[in-house]
Amino acid sequence: MARSDNAMWNEVEYSVVSVEKIETPDGMEGSNWYRYVIGRGTSTMVGNRRGTLKQVTEHARSLANDLNARNGRNGKSLWAPRQNKVS
């Protein structure tokens, strides 16, 4: 039996796709800025953070883990509309 796209999607977890050094963003101070990309399937999130490569990578991993925990093991997003209640 073929698996649905939704079933395959639920097996994919958020993970760190990349962390790269960038110029200091406009309006910000300091050096050692990095851009990180977190992805899951075709969805990506991009953030900038100041710190060492190790610190920013750990921050991005922590965010990915938090997103996976919020998604839960049942594959249902907490942000999705609720199911109709059975009366």
Foldseek 3Di string as FASTA:
>chain_A
DDDDPLVVQLVWFKDKPDKAADAADPPDDDGQKIKTWIDGDPDIDIDIDHDHPVVVNVVRRVVRVVLNVQCPNVNHHPPDDDDDDDD
